[in-house]
Amino acid sequence: MLQVGTAGQVGDVEMQDLLFTTVGPTAGAVLVEWNLQASSQGAAGLWDCHARIGGATGTKLTPAECPASTSGTDSGCNAGSLMMHLTKSGSGYFENMWLWVADHMIEYVYAPFRLEHRAL
């Protein structure tokens, strides 16, 4: 999905506050491929960047669309191969990087704390 540099390339890059995600079945997808070698220590990196496969409205990989399977896999629910591939030529500084294959809906995390208005 996102290629940072090419094999053997040296340079500088800074990324922050990004979300890398997929929609629907994307078997074999690599979300981030990091080839870039930092020109100096700390010159190439990312922080507060997250990769998430499924688990959110709009991904077409929710429990409603991909219910739990007791045997085998559903080919319509196969998503991603790698969330990040740091190649042998790449180097970088990575902080607060979250790589998550969803095992639940993120929208439901705060559901128990929602207030409901009921007539008495």
N, C-alpha and C. Protein backbone atom coordinates (compact mmCIF):
# COMPACT_ATOMS: atom_id res chain seq x y z
N MET A 1 0.82 -1.19 0.00
CA MET A 1 0.00 0.00 0.00
C MET A 1 0.87 1.25 0.00
N LEU A 2 1.89 1.29 0.89
CA LEU A 2 2.78 2.44 0.95
C LEU A 2 4.21 1.93 0.94
N GLN A 3 4.99 2.39 -0.03
CA GLN A 3 6.40 2.01 -0.12
C GLN A 3 7.24 3.22 0.25
N VAL A 4 8.09 3.05 1.26
CA VAL A 4 8.96 4.13 1.71
C VAL A 4 10.36 3.85 1.17
N GLY A 5 10.77 4.60 0.16
CA GLY A 5 12.07 4.40 -0.46
C GLY A 5 12.12 3.15 -1.32
N THR A 6 13.24 3.00 -2.00
CA THR A 6 13.49 1.82 -2.80
C THR A 6 14.73 1.12 -2.25
N ALA A 7 14.94 -0.12 -2.62
CA ALA A 7 16.07 -0.90 -2.11
C ALA A 7 17.37 -0.13 -2.29
N GLY A 8 18.10 0.07 -1.20
CA GLY A 8 19.39 0.76 -1.25
C GLY A 8 19.31 2.28 -1.16
N GLN A 9 18.13 2.85 -1.17
CA GLN A 9 18.00 4.31 -1.12
C GLN A 9 18.31 4.82 0.28
N VAL A 10 19.03 5.93 0.35
CA VAL A 10 19.37 6.58 1.61
C VAL A 10 18.68 7.94 1.63
N GLY A 11 18.10 8.31 2.74
CA GLY A 11 17.42 9.59 2.79
C GLY A 11 16.80 9.89 4.13
N ASP A 12 15.94 10.90 4.14
CA ASP A 12 15.26 11.35 5.35
C ASP A 12 13.76 11.33 5.10
N VAL A 13 13.01 10.90 6.09
CA VAL A 13 11.55 10.95 6.01
C VAL A 13 11.01 10.94 7.44
N GLU A 14 9.97 11.72 7.67
CA GLU A 14 9.29 11.73 8.95
C GLU A 14 7.80 11.58 8.69
N MET A 15 7.18 10.64 9.40
CA MET A 15 5.74 10.45 9.30
C MET A 15 5.17 10.41 10.70
N GLN A 16 4.00 11.01 10.88
CA GLN A 16 3.35 10.95 12.18
C GLN A 16 1.85 11.03 12.02
N ASP A 17 1.16 10.44 13.01
CA ASP A 17 -0.30 10.48 13.09
C ASP A 17 -0.99 9.97 11.82
N LEU A 18 -0.59 8.79 11.36
CA LEU A 18 -1.20 8.19 10.18
C LEU A 18 -1.83 6.86 10.55
N LEU A 19 -2.89 6.50 9.83
CA LEU A 19 -3.53 5.21 9.99
C LEU A 19 -3.52 4.52 8.64
N PHE A 20 -2.94 3.33 8.60
CA PHE A 20 -2.91 2.52 7.39
C PHE A 20 -3.93 1.40 7.59
N THR A 21 -4.88 1.27 6.66
CA THR A 21 -5.91 0.25 6.80
C THR A 21 -6.34 -0.25 5.43
N THR A 22 -7.14 -1.28 5.42
CA THR A 22 -7.63 -1.88 4.18
C THR A 22 -9.15 -1.86 4.18
N VAL A 23 -9.71 -2.13 3.00
CA VAL A 23 -11.16 -2.28 2.86
C VAL A 23 -11.39 -3.59 2.12
N GLY A 24 -12.17 -4.46 2.74
CA GLY A 24 -12.53 -5.72 2.11
C GLY A 24 -11.38 -6.71 2.05
N PRO A 25 -11.59 -7.80 1.31
CA PRO A 25 -10.56 -8.84 1.22
C PRO A 25 -9.35 -8.34 0.43
N THR A 26 -8.20 -8.37 1.05
CA THR A 26 -6.97 -7.89 0.42
C THR A 26 -5.83 -8.87 0.71
N ALA A 27 -6.11 -10.16 0.51
CA ALA A 27 -5.11 -11.19 0.80
C ALA A 27 -3.81 -10.86 0.07
N GLY A 28 -2.69 -10.94 0.78
CA GLY A 28 -1.38 -10.67 0.19
C GLY A 28 -0.93 -9.23 0.30
N ALA A 29 -1.78 -8.34 0.78
CA ALA A 29 -1.41 -6.92 0.87
C ALA A 29 -0.30 -6.70 1.91
N VAL A 30 0.62 -5.79 1.57
CA VAL A 30 1.63 -5.31 2.51
C VAL A 30 1.29 -3.84 2.74
N LEU A 31 0.94 -3.49 3.97
CA LEU A 31 0.49 -2.12 4.23
C LEU A 31 1.62 -1.11 4.14
N VAL A 32 2.77 -1.38 4.74
CA VAL A 32 3.92 -0.48 4.68
C VAL A 32 5.17 -1.30 4.37
N GLU A 33 5.88 -0.92 3.32
CA GLU A 33 7.17 -1.53 3.01
C GLU A 33 8.24 -0.46 3.19
N TRP A 34 9.14 -0.69 4.13
CA TRP A 34 10.16 0.31 4.50
C TRP A 34 11.51 -0.12 3.94
N ASN A 35 11.94 0.52 2.86
CA ASN A 35 13.22 0.23 2.21
C ASN A 35 14.29 1.27 2.55
N LEU A 36 13.86 2.44 2.94
CA LEU A 36 14.76 3.58 3.12
C LEU A 36 15.76 3.37 4.25
N GLN A 37 17.01 3.68 3.98
CA GLN A 37 18.04 3.68 5.02
C GLN A 37 18.22 5.13 5.46
N ALA A 38 18.15 5.37 6.76
CA ALA A 38 18.27 6.73 7.29
C ALA A 38 19.65 7.30 6.96
N SER A 39 19.69 8.55 6.54
CA SER A 39 20.96 9.21 6.20
C SER A 39 21.82 9.45 7.44
N SER A 40 21.17 9.54 8.58
CA SER A 40 21.86 9.65 9.87
C SER A 40 20.92 9.12 10.94
N GLN A 41 21.42 8.87 12.12
CA GLN A 41 20.60 8.31 13.18
C GLN A 41 19.38 9.19 13.46
N GLY A 42 18.19 8.61 13.35
CA GLY A 42 16.95 9.34 13.62
C GLY A 42 16.43 10.16 12.46
N ALA A 43 17.10 10.12 11.30
CA ALA A 43 16.68 10.95 10.16
C ALA A 43 15.50 10.37 9.39
N ALA A 44 15.19 9.10 9.63
CA ALA A 44 14.06 8.47 8.95
C ALA A 44 13.25 7.72 10.01
N GLY A 45 11.98 8.02 10.08
CA GLY A 45 11.18 7.32 11.06
C GLY A 45 9.73 7.70 11.04
N LEU A 46 9.01 7.01 11.88
CA LEU A 46 7.59 7.33 12.04
C LEU A 46 7.21 7.14 13.49
N TRP A 47 6.24 7.92 13.93
CA TRP A 47 5.73 7.81 15.29
C TRP A 47 4.24 8.11 15.28
N ASP A 48 3.57 7.50 16.22
CA ASP A 48 2.11 7.63 16.33
C ASP A 48 1.43 7.24 15.02
N CYS A 49 1.96 6.23 14.36
CA CYS A 49 1.36 5.69 13.14
C CYS A 49 0.88 4.27 13.43
N HIS A 50 -0.27 3.93 12.87
CA HIS A 50 -0.89 2.66 13.20
C HIS A 50 -1.36 1.95 11.94
N ALA A 51 -1.24 0.63 11.95
CA ALA A 51 -1.78 -0.21 10.88
C ALA A 51 -2.88 -1.06 11.50
N ARG A 52 -4.04 -1.08 10.85
CA ARG A 52 -5.17 -1.85 11.37
C ARG A 52 -5.85 -2.55 10.20
N ILE A 53 -6.08 -3.85 10.38
CA ILE A 53 -6.82 -4.62 9.38
C ILE A 53 -8.12 -5.06 10.02
N GLY A 54 -9.23 -4.58 9.48
CA GLY A 54 -10.55 -4.93 10.00
C GLY A 54 -10.86 -4.21 11.30
N GLY A 55 -12.01 -4.57 11.87
CA GLY A 55 -12.37 -4.06 13.19
C GLY A 55 -12.94 -2.67 13.25
N ALA A 56 -13.35 -2.11 12.12
CA ALA A 56 -13.93 -0.77 12.12
C ALA A 56 -14.97 -0.68 11.02
N THR A 57 -15.97 0.14 11.25
CA THR A 57 -17.00 0.37 10.26
C THR A 57 -16.36 0.86 8.97
N GLY A 58 -16.78 0.30 7.85
CA GLY A 58 -16.25 0.71 6.55
C GLY A 58 -15.15 -0.20 6.02
N THR A 59 -14.62 -1.09 6.86
CA THR A 59 -13.56 -1.98 6.40
C THR A 59 -14.10 -3.19 5.65
N LYS A 60 -15.38 -3.44 5.76
CA LYS A 60 -16.03 -4.62 5.19
C LYS A 60 -15.43 -5.91 5.76
N LEU A 61 -14.87 -5.80 6.96
CA LEU A 61 -14.30 -6.94 7.66
C LEU A 61 -14.78 -6.93 9.11
N THR A 62 -16.05 -6.62 9.29
CA THR A 62 -16.63 -6.56 10.63
C THR A 62 -17.21 -7.93 10.99
N PRO A 63 -17.57 -8.14 12.25
CA PRO A 63 -18.18 -9.42 12.62
C PRO A 63 -19.46 -9.73 11.83
N ALA A 64 -20.19 -8.71 11.43
CA ALA A 64 -21.40 -8.94 10.62
C ALA A 64 -21.04 -9.48 9.24
N GLU A 65 -19.95 -9.00 8.67
CA GLU A 65 -19.54 -9.42 7.33
C GLU A 65 -18.62 -10.64 7.34
N CYS A 66 -17.93 -10.84 8.44
CA CYS A 66 -17.00 -11.95 8.59
C CYS A 66 -17.20 -12.61 9.95
N PRO A 67 -18.28 -13.35 10.10
CA PRO A 67 -18.52 -14.00 11.39
C PRO A 67 -17.45 -15.03 11.70
N ALA A 68 -17.31 -15.34 12.98
CA ALA A 68 -16.31 -16.32 13.41
C ALA A 68 -16.57 -17.65 12.71
N SER A 69 -15.49 -18.30 12.33
CA SER A 69 -15.59 -19.59 11.64
C SER A 69 -15.09 -20.68 12.58
N THR A 70 -15.79 -21.80 12.58
CA THR A 70 -15.36 -22.91 13.44
C THR A 70 -14.42 -23.85 12.70
N SER A 71 -14.37 -23.72 11.38
CA SER A 71 -13.43 -24.55 10.60
C SER A 71 -13.06 -23.81 9.33
N GLY A 72 -11.79 -23.84 8.99
CA GLY A 72 -11.33 -23.20 7.77
C GLY A 72 -11.37 -21.69 7.84
N THR A 73 -11.25 -21.07 6.67
CA THR A 73 -11.31 -19.62 6.58
C THR A 73 -12.26 -19.23 5.46
N ASP A 74 -12.79 -18.04 5.56
CA ASP A 74 -13.67 -17.49 4.54
C ASP A 74 -12.81 -16.64 3.62
N SER A 75 -12.68 -17.03 2.36
CA SER A 75 -11.80 -16.31 1.44
C SER A 75 -12.21 -14.85 1.26
N GLY A 76 -13.46 -14.53 1.49
CA GLY A 76 -13.92 -13.14 1.39
C GLY A 76 -13.51 -12.30 2.59
N CYS A 77 -12.86 -12.94 3.57
CA CYS A 77 -12.46 -12.23 4.78
C CYS A 77 -10.95 -12.26 4.99
N ASN A 78 -10.20 -12.75 4.03
CA ASN A 78 -8.74 -12.75 4.13
C ASN A 78 -8.23 -11.36 3.81
N ALA A 79 -7.51 -10.77 4.75
CA ALA A 79 -7.05 -9.40 4.55
C ALA A 79 -5.61 -9.24 4.99
N GLY A 80 -4.79 -8.76 4.08
CA GLY A 80 -3.41 -8.43 4.41
C GLY A 80 -2.50 -9.63 4.56
N SER A 81 -1.24 -9.41 4.28
CA SER A 81 -0.21 -10.42 4.45
C SER A 81 0.78 -9.95 5.52
N LEU A 82 1.19 -8.68 5.39
CA LEU A 82 2.09 -8.05 6.35
C LEU A 82 1.61 -6.63 6.61
N MET A 83 1.69 -6.22 7.85
CA MET A 83 1.34 -4.84 8.14
C MET A 83 2.54 -3.93 7.92
N MET A 84 3.74 -4.43 8.24
CA MET A 84 4.95 -3.65 7.97
C MET A 84 6.08 -4.61 7.61
N HIS A 85 6.76 -4.31 6.53
CA HIS A 85 7.92 -5.08 6.11
C HIS A 85 9.13 -4.15 6.12
N LEU A 86 10.02 -4.36 7.06
CA LEU A 86 11.27 -3.61 7.13
C LEU A 86 12.29 -4.43 6.37
N THR A 87 12.66 -3.99 5.18
CA THR A 87 13.56 -4.78 4.34
C THR A 87 15.00 -4.71 4.85
N LYS A 88 15.85 -5.56 4.31
CA LYS A 88 17.24 -5.61 4.78
C LYS A 88 18.01 -4.32 4.50
N SER A 89 17.56 -3.52 3.55
CA SER A 89 18.25 -2.25 3.27
C SER A 89 17.67 -1.09 4.09
N GLY A 90 16.58 -1.32 4.81
CA GLY A 90 15.91 -0.24 5.53
C GLY A 90 16.39 -0.06 6.96
N SER A 91 16.30 1.16 7.43
CA SER A 91 16.56 1.47 8.83
C SER A 91 15.70 2.66 9.21
N GLY A 92 15.37 2.77 10.49
CA GLY A 92 14.55 3.89 10.90
C GLY A 92 14.30 3.88 12.39
N TYR A 93 13.67 4.95 12.84
CA TYR A 93 13.27 5.12 14.23
C TYR A 93 11.76 5.00 14.26
N PHE A 94 11.24 4.05 15.04
CA PHE A 94 9.81 3.79 15.09
C PHE A 94 9.34 3.88 16.54
N GLU A 95 8.41 4.79 16.80
CA GLU A 95 7.92 4.98 18.16
C GLU A 95 6.40 5.00 18.16
N ASN A 96 5.81 4.34 19.17
CA ASN A 96 4.37 4.27 19.33
C ASN A 96 3.69 3.82 18.04
N MET A 97 4.22 2.74 17.48
CA MET A 97 3.66 2.17 16.27
C MET A 97 2.78 0.99 16.67
N TRP A 98 1.55 0.99 16.23
CA TRP A 98 0.56 0.02 16.62
C TRP A 98 0.17 -0.78 15.40
N LEU A 99 0.43 -2.09 15.41
CA LEU A 99 0.09 -2.97 14.30
C LEU A 99 -0.96 -3.96 14.81
N TRP A 100 -2.19 -3.87 14.28
CA TRP A 100 -3.30 -4.61 14.87
C TRP A 100 -4.15 -5.30 13.82
N VAL A 101 -4.26 -6.62 13.94
CA VAL A 101 -5.27 -7.36 13.19
C VAL A 101 -6.45 -7.45 14.14
N ALA A 102 -7.52 -6.81 13.76
CA ALA A 102 -8.66 -6.66 14.67
C ALA A 102 -9.27 -7.98 15.07
N ASP A 103 -9.46 -8.14 16.36
CA ASP A 103 -10.17 -9.29 16.89
C ASP A 103 -11.51 -8.85 17.48
N HIS A 104 -11.83 -7.57 17.36
CA HIS A 104 -13.11 -7.02 17.81
C HIS A 104 -13.31 -5.66 17.14
N MET A 105 -14.51 -5.16 17.22
CA MET A 105 -14.83 -3.87 16.62
C MET A 105 -14.31 -2.74 17.51
N ILE A 106 -13.57 -1.82 16.95
CA ILE A 106 -13.04 -0.70 17.71
C ILE A 106 -14.16 0.23 18.17
N GLU A 107 -15.25 0.33 17.39
CA GLU A 107 -16.36 1.19 17.77
C GLU A 107 -17.06 0.70 19.02
N TYR A 108 -16.92 -0.58 19.36
CA TYR A 108 -17.58 -1.14 20.53
C TYR A 108 -16.78 -0.94 21.81
N VAL A 109 -15.58 -0.46 21.72
CA VAL A 109 -14.72 -0.32 22.89
C VAL A 109 -15.37 0.54 23.97
N TYR A 110 -16.00 1.61 23.58
CA TYR A 110 -16.57 2.54 24.54
C TYR A 110 -18.07 2.32 24.77
N ALA A 111 -18.65 1.33 24.12
CA ALA A 111 -20.09 1.09 24.22
C ALA A 111 -20.60 0.96 25.65
N PRO A 112 -19.90 0.27 26.56
CA PRO A 112 -20.44 0.15 27.93
C PRO A 112 -20.54 1.49 28.66
N PHE A 113 -19.86 2.49 28.19
CA PHE A 113 -19.83 3.77 28.89
C PHE A 113 -20.80 4.79 28.30
N ARG A 114 -21.51 4.40 27.26
CA ARG A 114 -22.48 5.31 26.66
C ARG A 114 -23.68 5.46 27.58
N LEU A 115 -24.19 6.66 27.65
CA LEU A 115 -25.39 6.90 28.46
C LEU A 115 -26.63 6.69 27.61
N GLU A 116 -27.58 6.02 28.15
CA GLU A 116 -28.83 5.81 27.45
C GLU A 116 -29.91 6.67 28.09
N HIS A 117 -30.73 7.29 27.27
CA HIS A 117 -31.84 8.11 27.78
C HIS A 117 -33.10 7.27 27.71
N ARG A 118 -33.68 7.05 28.85
CA ARG A 118 -34.89 6.26 28.91
C ARG A 118 -35.99 7.06 29.64
N ALA A 119 -37.17 6.90 29.14
CA ALA A 119 -38.31 7.54 29.81
C ALA A 119 -38.62 6.76 31.08
N LEU A 120 -38.91 7.48 32.15
CA LEU A 120 -39.25 6.83 33.42
C LEU A 120 -40.74 6.67 33.57
